[in-house]
Amino acid sequence: MSEPHSSARLFASAAERNAAPILAVLRGALPARGKVLEIASGTGQHAVHFAAALPDIEWQPSDADPLARASILAWREYTGLSNLLAPLDLDVRREPWPIDAADAVVCINMIHIAPWEAAIALMNGAGQRLAAGGALVLYGPYRRGGAHTAPSNEAFDAQLRERDPAWGVRDMEAVEALAQAQGFLCEQRVPMPANNFSLVFRKR
């Protein structure tokens, strides 16, 4: 989206850069049609990118931040995408979620910018709302075997923990263990640009 954007339409350069690589993973993980719930949609740039590329998918964005929801609404109005739904006010830690079921759940760059309790709540909520075969796709930086995968991730982790000691880059093995406890199998660990990973889980 290179055109000037309104004050409500927030813009993140990182979201523009990683949208295409994430979409490539989603094409292989998501169903051909159905409703996909995106958790912590942020600016809404990913939502419009994915909804435009996957017209048979009903894309349901959500965010706990009212400024983010306003941005998503502004992007939705700007693009006029009929398969992009209005954003839900959804904090994974607050039950009940305002949605009972989905065919897949996508969460990009949340669990390291939130307390560990949010990761637990994400897995619990996704596990309750996805049927067998449903996909849960996570994207972000991870430690592996207790170690950072790049110096830049280590520096980023330190910055996060300085902002909030409850935040930080998570251990991939710990995230997979949470998912397994909710009936998910890790189907793929996809290395991504900028030392990130996409994790594709499938509900048993």
C-alpha atoms as a PDB file:
ATOM      1  CA  MET A   1       0.000   0.000   0.000  1.00  0.00           C
ATOM      2  CA  SER A   2       2.046   2.929  -1.229  1.00  0.00           C
ATOM      3  CA  GLU A   3      -0.713   5.549  -1.247  1.00  0.00           C
ATOM      4  CA  PRO A   4      -0.885   8.047   1.602  1.00  0.00           C
ATOM      5  CA  HIS A   5      -2.778   6.634   4.558  1.00  0.00           C
ATOM      6  CA  SER A   6      -5.218   8.295   6.917  1.00  0.00           C
ATOM      7  CA  SER A   7      -4.312   9.122  10.501  1.00  0.00           C
ATOM      8  CA  ALA A   8      -6.346   6.127  11.700  1.00  0.00           C
ATOM      9  CA  ARG A   9      -4.587   3.747   9.304  1.00  0.00           C
ATOM     10  CA  LEU A  10      -1.423   2.768  11.150  1.00  0.00           C
ATOM     11  CA  PHE A  11       1.606   1.561   9.218  1.00  0.00           C
ATOM     12  CA  ALA A  12       4.484  -0.720  10.282  1.00  0.00           C
ATOM     13  CA  SER A  13       7.397  -1.279   7.908  1.00  0.00           C
ATOM     14  CA  ALA A  14       8.069  -4.729   9.362  1.00  0.00           C
ATOM     15  CA  ALA A  15       4.507  -5.811   8.546  1.00  0.00           C
ATOM     16  CA  GLU A  16       5.046  -4.824   4.920  1.00  0.00           C
ATOM     17  CA  ARG A  17       8.339  -6.719   4.759  1.00  0.00           C
ATOM     18  CA  ASN A  18       7.177  -9.995   6.285  1.00  0.00           C
ATOM     19  CA  ALA A  19       3.665 -10.216   4.810  1.00  0.00           C
ATOM     20  CA  ALA A  20       4.717 -12.079   1.644  1.00  0.00           C
ATOM     21  CA  PRO A  21       6.891 -14.712   3.398  1.00  0.00           C
ATOM     22  CA  ILE A  22       4.163 -15.348   5.973  1.00  0.00           C
ATOM     23  CA  LEU A  23       1.543 -15.627   3.221  1.00  0.00           C
ATOM     24  CA  ALA A  24       3.637 -18.339   1.561  1.00  0.00           C
ATOM     25  CA  VAL A  25       3.422 -20.384   4.777  1.00  0.00           C
ATOM     26  CA  LEU A  26      -0.294 -19.700   5.173  1.00  0.00           C
ATOM     27  CA  ARG A  27      -1.063 -20.928   1.654  1.00  0.00           C
ATOM     28  CA  GLY A  28       0.179 -24.355   2.652  1.00  0.00           C
ATOM     29  CA  ALA A  29      -1.318 -24.405   6.150  1.00  0.00           C
ATOM     30  CA  LEU A  30      -4.799 -22.898   5.866  1.00  0.00           C
ATOM     31  CA  PRO A  31      -7.914 -24.535   4.439  1.00  0.00           C
ATOM     32  CA  ALA A  32      -9.028 -23.571   0.930  1.00  0.00           C
ATOM     33  CA  ARG A  33     -12.030 -21.789   2.429  1.00  0.00           C
ATOM     34  CA  GLY A  34     -13.498 -21.074   5.840  1.00  0.00           C
ATOM     35  CA  LYS A  35     -13.030 -18.576   8.670  1.00  0.00           C
ATOM     36  CA  VAL A  36      -9.553 -17.704   9.929  1.00  0.00           C
ATOM     37  CA  LEU A  37      -9.205 -15.904  13.253  1.00  0.00           C
ATOM     38  CA  GLU A  38      -6.170 -13.638  13.477  1.00  0.00           C
ATOM     39  CA  ILE A  39      -5.102 -12.867  17.045  1.00  0.00           C
ATOM     40  CA  ALA A  40      -3.386  -9.518  17.798  1.00  0.00           C
ATOM     41  CA  SER A  41      -3.813  -8.144  14.278  1.00  0.00           C
ATOM     42  CA  GLY A  42      -2.026  -4.883  15.085  1.00  0.00           C
ATOM     43  CA  THR A  43      -2.113  -2.279  12.321  1.00  0.00           C
ATOM     44  CA  GLY A  44      -4.286  -4.460  10.066  1.00  0.00           C
ATOM     45  CA  GLN A  45      -1.748  -4.563   7.219  1.00  0.00           C
ATOM     46  CA  HIS A  46      -1.403  -8.335   7.461  1.00  0.00           C
ATOM     47  CA  ALA A  47      -5.173  -8.758   7.540  1.00  0.00           C
ATOM     48  CA  VAL A  48      -5.702  -6.829   4.299  1.00  0.00           C
ATOM     49  CA  HIS A  49      -2.721  -8.508   2.606  1.00  0.00           C
ATOM     50  CA  PHE A  50      -3.904 -12.017   3.466  1.00  0.00           C
ATOM     51  CA  ALA A  51      -7.594 -11.342   2.805  1.00  0.00           C
ATOM     52  CA  ALA A  52      -6.755  -9.913  -0.626  1.00  0.00           C
ATOM     53  CA  ALA A  53      -4.572 -12.906  -1.505  1.00  0.00           C
ATOM     54  CA  LEU A  54      -7.018 -15.524  -0.136  1.00  0.00           C
ATOM     55  CA  PRO A  55     -10.458 -14.439  -1.397  1.00  0.00           C
ATOM     56  CA  ASP A  56     -12.173 -17.701  -0.395  1.00  0.00           C
ATOM     57  CA  ILE A  57     -11.101 -17.203   3.227  1.00  0.00           C
ATOM     58  CA  GLU A  58     -13.209 -15.133   5.604  1.00  0.00           C
ATOM     59  CA  TRP A  59     -10.541 -13.238   7.555  1.00  0.00           C
ATOM     60  CA  GLN A  60     -11.485 -12.311  11.120  1.00  0.00           C
ATOM     61  CA  PRO A  61      -8.990  -9.855  12.645  1.00  0.00           C
ATOM     62  CA  SER A  62      -8.893  -9.054  16.347  1.00  0.00           C
ATOM     63  CA  ASP A  63      -6.940  -6.960  18.823  1.00  0.00           C
ATOM     64  CA  ALA A  64      -7.198  -5.880  22.444  1.00  0.00           C
ATOM     65  CA  ASP A  65      -5.991  -2.350  21.606  1.00  0.00           C
ATOM     66  CA  PRO A  66      -8.714   0.089  20.480  1.00  0.00           C
ATOM     67  CA  LEU A  67      -6.196   2.067  18.386  1.00  0.00           C
ATOM     68  CA  ALA A  68      -5.288  -1.121  16.537  1.00  0.00           C
ATOM     69  CA  ARG A  69      -8.951  -1.932  15.940  1.00  0.00           C
ATOM     70  CA  ALA A  70      -9.504   1.584  14.584  1.00  0.00           C
ATOM     71  CA  SER A  71      -6.562   1.083  12.223  1.00  0.00           C
ATOM     72  CA  ILE A  72      -7.921  -2.268  11.045  1.00  0.00           C
ATOM     73  CA  LEU A  73     -11.321  -0.693  10.378  1.00  0.00           C
ATOM     74  CA  ALA A  74      -9.655   2.124   8.426  1.00  0.00           C
ATOM     75  CA  TRP A  75      -7.659  -0.353   6.309  1.00  0.00           C
ATOM     76  CA  ARG A  76     -10.835  -2.396   5.769  1.00  0.00           C
ATOM     77  CA  GLU A  77     -12.708   0.679   4.555  1.00  0.00           C
ATOM     78  CA  TYR A  78      -9.760   1.731   2.379  1.00  0.00           C
ATOM     79  CA  THR A  79      -9.483  -1.645   0.633  1.00  0.00           C
ATOM     80  CA  GLY A  80     -13.190  -2.535   0.518  1.00  0.00           C
ATOM     81  CA  LEU A  81     -12.400  -6.247   0.888  1.00  0.00           C
ATOM     82  CA  SER A  82     -15.661  -8.134   1.319  1.00  0.00           C
ATOM     83  CA  ASN A  83     -13.975 -11.119   3.004  1.00  0.00           C
ATOM     84  CA  LEU A  84     -12.253  -8.969   5.649  1.00  0.00           C
ATOM     85  CA  LEU A  85     -14.487  -8.760   8.731  1.00  0.00           C
ATOM     86  CA  ALA A  86     -14.662  -5.982  11.297  1.00  0.00           C
ATOM     87  CA  PRO A  87     -12.109  -6.527  14.091  1.00  0.00           C
ATOM     88  CA  LEU A  88     -13.098  -8.157  17.368  1.00  0.00           C
ATOM     89  CA  ASP A  89     -12.133  -6.799  20.776  1.00  0.00           C
ATOM     90  CA  LEU A  90     -10.231  -9.890  21.889  1.00  0.00           C
ATOM     91  CA  ASP A  91      -7.708 -10.320  24.684  1.00  0.00           C
ATOM     92  CA  VAL A  92      -6.704 -13.998  24.761  1.00  0.00           C
ATOM     93  CA  ARG A  93      -6.578 -13.889  28.582  1.00  0.00           C
ATOM     94  CA  ARG A  94     -10.171 -12.697  28.863  1.00  0.00           C
ATOM     95  CA  GLU A  95     -12.837 -15.388  28.566  1.00  0.00           C
ATOM     96  CA  PRO A  96     -15.167 -15.878  26.906  1.00  0.00           C
ATOM     97  CA  TRP A  97     -13.646 -14.946  23.580  1.00  0.00           C
ATOM     98  CA  PRO A  98     -16.105 -13.116  21.282  1.00  0.00           C
ATOM     99  CA  ILE A  99     -15.954 -15.992  18.775  1.00  0.00           C
ATOM    100  CA  ASP A 100     -16.971 -19.613  19.336  1.00  0.00           C
ATOM    101  CA  ALA A 101     -15.224 -21.399  16.476  1.00  0.00           C
ATOM    102  CA  ALA A 102     -12.840 -20.934  13.553  1.00  0.00           C
ATOM    103  CA  ASP A 103     -11.291 -23.121  10.883  1.00  0.00           C
ATOM    104  CA  ALA A 104      -7.771 -21.838  11.660  1.00  0.00           C
ATOM    105  CA  VAL A 105      -6.038 -19.413  14.022  1.00  0.00           C
ATOM    106  CA  VAL A 106      -3.103 -17.171  13.091  1.00  0.00           C
ATOM    107  CA  CYS A 107      -1.004 -15.197  15.600  1.00  0.00           C
ATOM    108  CA  ILE A 108       1.898 -13.029  14.449  1.00  0.00           C
ATOM    109  CA  ASN A 109       4.436 -11.410  16.785  1.00  0.00           C
ATOM    110  CA  MET A 110       2.409 -11.585  19.988  1.00  0.00           C
ATOM    111  CA  ILE A 111       3.732 -14.096  22.462  1.00  0.00           C
ATOM    112  CA  HIS A 112       7.082 -12.335  22.995  1.00  0.00           C
ATOM    113  CA  ILE A 113       5.392  -8.930  23.511  1.00  0.00           C
ATOM    114  CA  ALA A 114       3.059 -10.249  26.219  1.00  0.00           C
ATOM    115  CA  PRO A 115       3.354 -12.179  29.482  1.00  0.00           C
ATOM    116  CA  TRP A 116       3.746 -15.955  29.280  1.00  0.00           C
ATOM    117  CA  GLU A 117       0.147 -16.203  30.514  1.00  0.00           C
ATOM    118  CA  ALA A 118      -0.943 -14.861  27.118  1.00  0.00           C
ATOM    119  CA  ALA A 119       0.757 -17.769  25.344  1.00  0.00           C
ATOM    120  CA  ILE A 120      -1.004 -20.202  27.696  1.00  0.00           C
ATOM    121  CA  ALA A 121      -4.350 -18.488  27.062  1.00  0.00           C
ATOM    122  CA  LEU A 122      -3.762 -18.478  23.296  1.00  0.00           C
ATOM    123  CA  MET A 123      -3.230 -22.233  23.262  1.00  0.00           C
ATOM    124  CA  ASN A 124      -6.222 -22.860  25.522  1.00  0.00           C
ATOM    125  CA  GLY A 125      -8.525 -20.686  23.425  1.00  0.00           C
ATOM    126  CA  ALA A 126      -7.333 -22.055  20.080  1.00  0.00           C
ATOM    127  CA  GLY A 127      -7.631 -25.600  21.372  1.00  0.00           C
ATOM    128  CA  GLN A 128     -11.246 -25.001  22.350  1.00  0.00           C
ATOM    129  CA  ARG A 129     -12.243 -23.365  19.067  1.00  0.00           C
ATOM    130  CA  LEU A 130     -10.503 -25.465  16.442  1.00  0.00           C
ATOM    131  CA  ALA A 131     -11.845 -28.810  15.293  1.00  0.00           C
ATOM    132  CA  ALA A 132      -9.615 -31.758  14.448  1.00  0.00           C
ATOM    133  CA  GLY A 133      -7.400 -30.837  11.507  1.00  0.00           C
ATOM    134  CA  GLY A 134      -7.585 -27.113  12.255  1.00  0.00           C
ATOM    135  CA  ALA A 135      -4.333 -25.157  11.922  1.00  0.00           C
ATOM    136  CA  LEU A 136      -2.719 -22.838  14.444  1.00  0.00           C
ATOM    137  CA  VAL A 137       0.047 -20.756  12.860  1.00  0.00           C
ATOM    138  CA  LEU A 138       2.472 -18.693  14.954  1.00  0.00           C
ATOM    139  CA  TYR A 139       5.163 -16.330  13.698  1.00  0.00           C
ATOM    140  CA  GLY A 140       7.974 -14.603  15.532  1.00  0.00           C
ATOM    141  CA  PRO A 141      11.466 -14.983  17.021  1.00  0.00           C
ATOM    142  CA  TYR A 142      12.282 -18.011  19.173  1.00  0.00           C
ATOM    143  CA  ARG A 143      15.130 -19.430  21.185  1.00  0.00           C
ATOM    144  CA  ARG A 144      16.062 -23.029  20.410  1.00  0.00           C
ATOM    145  CA  GLY A 145      17.566 -25.300  23.011  1.00  0.00           C
ATOM    146  CA  GLY A 146      17.620 -22.351  25.418  1.00  0.00           C
ATOM    147  CA  ALA A 147      19.844 -20.274  23.097  1.00  0.00           C
ATOM    148  CA  HIS A 148      19.121 -17.361  20.786  1.00  0.00           C
ATOM    149  CA  THR A 149      19.392 -18.078  17.079  1.00  0.00           C
ATOM    150  CA  ALA A 150      21.095 -14.743  16.286  1.00  0.00           C
ATOM    151  CA  PRO A 151      22.777 -11.838  18.132  1.00  0.00           C
ATOM    152  CA  SER A 152      20.028  -9.514  16.912  1.00  0.00           C
ATOM    153  CA  ASN A 153      17.419 -11.690  18.625  1.00  0.00           C
ATOM    154  CA  GLU A 154      19.436 -11.642  21.849  1.00  0.00           C
ATOM    155  CA  ALA A 155      19.564  -7.838  21.740  1.00  0.00           C
ATOM    156  CA  PHE A 156      15.838  -7.677  20.955  1.00  0.00           C
ATOM    157  CA  ASP A 157      15.110  -9.991  23.887  1.00  0.00           C
ATOM    158  CA  ALA A 158      17.062  -7.705  26.232  1.00  0.00           C
ATOM    159  CA  GLN A 159      15.131  -4.679  24.979  1.00  0.00           C
ATOM    160  CA  LEU A 160      11.812  -6.446  25.527  1.00  0.00           C
ATOM    161  CA  ARG A 161      12.706  -7.523  29.068  1.00  0.00           C
ATOM    162  CA  GLU A 162      13.866  -4.012  29.883  1.00  0.00           C
ATOM    163  CA  ARG A 163      10.467  -2.685  28.846  1.00  0.00           C
ATOM    164  CA  ASP A 164       8.635  -5.389  30.789  1.00  0.00           C
ATOM    165  CA  PRO A 165      10.298  -8.273  32.669  1.00  0.00           C
ATOM    166  CA  ALA A 166       7.306 -10.497  31.768  1.00  0.00           C
ATOM    167  CA  TRP A 167       8.031 -10.117  28.034  1.00  0.00           C
ATOM    168  CA  GLY A 168      10.765 -11.818  26.040  1.00  0.00           C
ATOM    169  CA  VAL A 169      11.678 -14.154  23.200  1.00  0.00           C
ATOM    170  CA  ARG A 170      10.251 -17.575  24.061  1.00  0.00           C
ATOM    171  CA  ASP A 171      11.775 -21.027  23.896  1.00  0.00           C
ATOM    172  CA  MET A 172      10.360 -22.863  20.898  1.00  0.00           C
ATOM    173  CA  GLU A 173      10.294 -26.109  22.883  1.00  0.00           C
ATOM    174  CA  ALA A 174       8.197 -24.506  25.640  1.00  0.00           C
ATOM    175  CA  VAL A 175       5.709 -23.135  23.111  1.00  0.00           C
ATOM    176  CA  GLU A 176       5.445 -26.541  21.439  1.00  0.00           C
ATOM    177  CA  ALA A 177       4.853 -28.173  24.827  1.00  0.00           C
ATOM    178  CA  LEU A 178       1.991 -25.743  25.504  1.00  0.00           C
ATOM    179  CA  ALA A 179       0.478 -26.574  22.130  1.00  0.00           C
ATOM    180  CA  GLN A 180       0.845 -30.308  22.654  1.00  0.00           C
ATOM    181  CA  ALA A 181      -0.974 -30.062  25.988  1.00  0.00           C
ATOM    182  CA  GLN A 182      -3.950 -28.617  24.093  1.00  0.00           C
ATOM    183  CA  GLY A 183      -4.015 -31.396  21.503  1.00  0.00           C
ATOM    184  CA  PHE A 184      -1.803 -29.863  18.796  1.00  0.00           C
ATOM    185  CA  LEU A 185       1.007 -31.487  16.848  1.00  0.00           C
ATOM    186  CA  CYS A 186       3.817 -29.341  15.438  1.00  0.00           C
ATOM    187  CA  GLU A 187       3.590 -29.965  11.709  1.00  0.00           C
ATOM    188  CA  GLN A 188       6.235 -27.493  10.488  1.00  0.00           C
ATOM    189  CA  ARG A 189       9.014 -25.258  11.800  1.00  0.00           C
ATOM    190  CA  VAL A 190       9.702 -22.883   8.928  1.00  0.00           C
ATOM    191  CA  PRO A 191      12.794 -20.615   9.085  1.00  0.00           C
ATOM    192  CA  MET A 192      11.791 -17.101   8.031  1.00  0.00           C
ATOM    193  CA  PRO A 193      13.662 -13.902   7.124  1.00  0.00           C
ATOM    194  CA  ALA A 194      15.182 -11.759   9.904  1.00  0.00           C
ATOM    195  CA  ASN A 195      15.805 -14.778  12.166  1.00  0.00           C
ATOM    196  CA  ASN A 196      12.145 -15.575  12.756  1.00  0.00           C
ATOM    197  CA  PHE A 197      10.179 -18.821  12.500  1.00  0.00           C
ATOM    198  CA  SER A 198       6.691 -19.838  11.481  1.00  0.00           C
ATOM    199  CA  LEU A 199       5.324 -22.705  13.558  1.00  0.00           C
ATOM    200  CA  VAL A 200       2.425 -24.649  12.050  1.00  0.00           C
ATOM    201  CA  PHE A 201       0.414 -26.734  14.511  1.00  0.00           C
ATOM    202  CA  ARG A 202      -2.424 -29.096  13.608  1.00  0.00           C
ATOM    203  CA  LYS A 203      -5.234 -30.038  15.992  1.00  0.00           C
ATOM    204  CA  ARG A 204      -5.405 -33.779  16.558  1.00  0.00           C
END
